[in-house]
Amino acid sequence: MIDKTYYNKMLKKGRLMPFTTGNRLWGFITFFICNDGEEDKYLRNNMWSVEEDNPDGNCCYIDQLITNKEPDNPKVSYMAWKGFKDYIKQNFPNARKIKWNRFNKKSNKLTRWVRCI
């Protein structure tokens, strides 16, 4: 199930970055900008709600990462990751970290993932 309203709002806010190769869309990231320690605000009951964020914040919190299941995705993901980091650096110069809470299906646990930009 998807919510087109969520994705349209995130796109208008500049908080959705698509990943393409040629004419093929293979994934995208939605994110919020906040200050370090405020990212729990984005752990919400309604995953389709678009929360206010702080464009001057020092942290990029990844809300959703959606990809297709193409076998060549790992190859192109390195280029996409570099492009995403460059986008964050250019558009949100105060951001110093990228954070993501990722659910591991194998261990059935939430993993908090942090990378410096």
Protein backbone atom coordinates (compact mmCIF):
# COMPACT_ATOMS: atom_id res chain seq x y z
CA MET A 1 0.00 0.00 0.00
CA ILE A 2 1.28 3.46 -0.83
CA ASP A 3 0.03 6.95 -0.19
CA LYS A 4 0.52 9.22 -3.19
CA THR A 5 -0.34 12.29 -1.08
CA TYR A 6 2.63 11.59 1.22
CA TYR A 7 5.05 11.24 -1.70
CA ASN A 8 3.70 14.35 -3.47
CA LYS A 9 4.09 16.43 -0.29
CA MET A 10 7.60 15.13 0.33
CA LEU A 11 8.54 15.87 -3.28
CA LYS A 12 7.21 19.44 -3.02
CA LYS A 13 9.16 19.94 0.24
CA GLY A 14 12.37 18.72 -1.42
CA ARG A 15 12.45 15.69 0.89
CA LEU A 16 12.19 12.97 -1.74
CA MET A 17 15.15 11.97 -3.87
CA PRO A 18 14.60 9.51 -6.73
CA PHE A 19 17.30 7.12 -7.97
CA THR A 20 17.38 6.52 -11.69
CA THR A 21 19.59 4.78 -14.19
CA GLY A 22 18.89 6.00 -17.70
CA ASN A 23 15.12 6.20 -17.90
CA ARG A 24 14.54 3.60 -15.18
CA LEU A 25 13.39 4.58 -11.69
CA TRP A 26 14.74 1.94 -9.34
CA GLY A 27 14.24 3.59 -5.96
CA PHE A 28 13.91 6.68 -3.84
CA ILE A 29 14.50 8.04 -0.35
CA THR A 30 12.24 10.26 1.72
CA PHE A 31 13.80 12.10 4.64
CA PHE A 32 13.44 14.83 7.23
CA ILE A 33 16.00 17.35 8.46
CA CYS A 34 16.19 17.83 12.24
CA ASN A 35 18.68 18.36 15.02
CA ASP A 36 20.59 15.43 16.45
CA GLY A 37 18.47 13.73 19.11
CA GLU A 38 15.13 14.91 17.67
CA GLU A 39 14.69 12.09 15.17
CA ASP A 40 12.31 10.13 17.42
CA LYS A 41 9.68 12.71 16.40
CA TYR A 42 9.56 10.92 13.05
CA LEU A 43 8.79 7.49 14.56
CA ARG A 44 5.05 7.86 14.28
CA ASN A 45 1.91 5.75 14.18
CA ASN A 46 0.86 7.06 10.78
CA MET A 47 3.75 6.39 8.41
CA TRP A 48 2.03 8.57 5.79
CA SER A 49 1.99 11.76 7.87
CA VAL A 50 4.30 14.53 6.70
CA GLU A 51 5.81 16.18 9.75
CA GLU A 52 7.41 19.61 9.92
CA ASP A 53 11.17 19.56 10.02
CA ASN A 54 14.00 22.04 10.44
CA PRO A 55 15.87 22.88 7.21
CA ASP A 56 18.69 24.32 9.35
CA GLY A 57 19.05 21.14 11.41
CA ASN A 58 22.28 19.17 11.74
CA CYS A 59 20.86 15.71 11.03
CA CYS A 60 19.19 14.02 8.06
CA TYR A 61 16.76 11.32 9.16
CA ILE A 62 15.81 8.80 6.46
CA ASP A 63 12.10 8.11 6.68
CA GLN A 64 11.67 5.62 3.83
CA LEU A 65 13.98 3.87 1.41
CA ILE A 66 12.10 2.14 -1.36
CA THR A 67 13.73 0.12 -4.17
CA ASN A 68 12.64 -2.38 -6.74
CA LYS A 69 14.08 -5.86 -6.45
CA GLU A 70 16.38 -5.74 -9.48
CA PRO A 71 19.55 -7.85 -9.03
CA ASP A 72 21.84 -4.99 -10.16
CA ASN A 73 20.66 -2.61 -7.42
CA PRO A 74 23.72 -3.19 -5.20
CA LYS A 75 25.96 -2.00 -8.05
CA VAL A 76 24.11 1.26 -8.59
CA SER A 77 23.43 1.91 -4.91
CA TYR A 78 26.96 3.23 -4.31
CA MET A 79 26.48 5.92 -6.95
CA ALA A 80 23.04 6.72 -5.57
CA TRP A 81 24.39 7.00 -2.01
CA LYS A 82 27.07 9.44 -3.12
CA GLY A 83 24.45 11.48 -5.00
CA PHE A 84 22.20 11.51 -1.94
CA LYS A 85 25.01 12.71 0.34
CA ASP A 86 25.93 15.43 -2.19
CA TYR A 87 22.28 16.54 -2.34
CA ILE A 88 22.12 16.81 1.45
CA LYS A 89 25.43 18.72 1.63
CA GLN A 90 24.34 21.20 -1.05
CA ASN A 91 20.79 21.80 0.15
CA PHE A 92 21.19 21.42 3.92
CA PRO A 93 24.72 22.64 4.71
CA ASN A 94 24.28 22.34 8.48
CA ALA A 95 23.57 18.60 8.29
CA ARG A 96 26.51 16.57 9.58
CA LYS A 97 24.91 13.13 10.07
CA ILE A 98 22.51 10.81 8.31
CA LYS A 99 20.44 8.53 10.56
CA TRP A 100 18.12 5.67 9.76
CA ASN A 101 16.20 3.23 11.92
CA ARG A 102 16.18 0.04 9.90
CA PHE A 103 14.19 -3.07 10.74
CA ASN A 104 16.13 -6.31 10.27
CA LYS A 105 13.69 -9.04 9.24
CA LYS A 106 16.14 -11.85 10.04
CA SER A 107 16.85 -10.79 13.61
CA ASN A 108 13.43 -9.17 14.10
CA LYS A 109 15.17 -6.13 15.62
CA LEU A 110 15.47 -2.43 14.93
CA THR A 111 18.95 -1.25 13.99
CA ARG A 112 19.92 2.39 14.45
CA TRP A 113 22.24 3.34 11.64
CA VAL A 114 24.34 6.55 11.68
CA ARG A 115 26.80 7.91 9.13
CA CYS A 116 28.70 11.17 9.11
CA ILE A 117 28.48 13.26 5.98
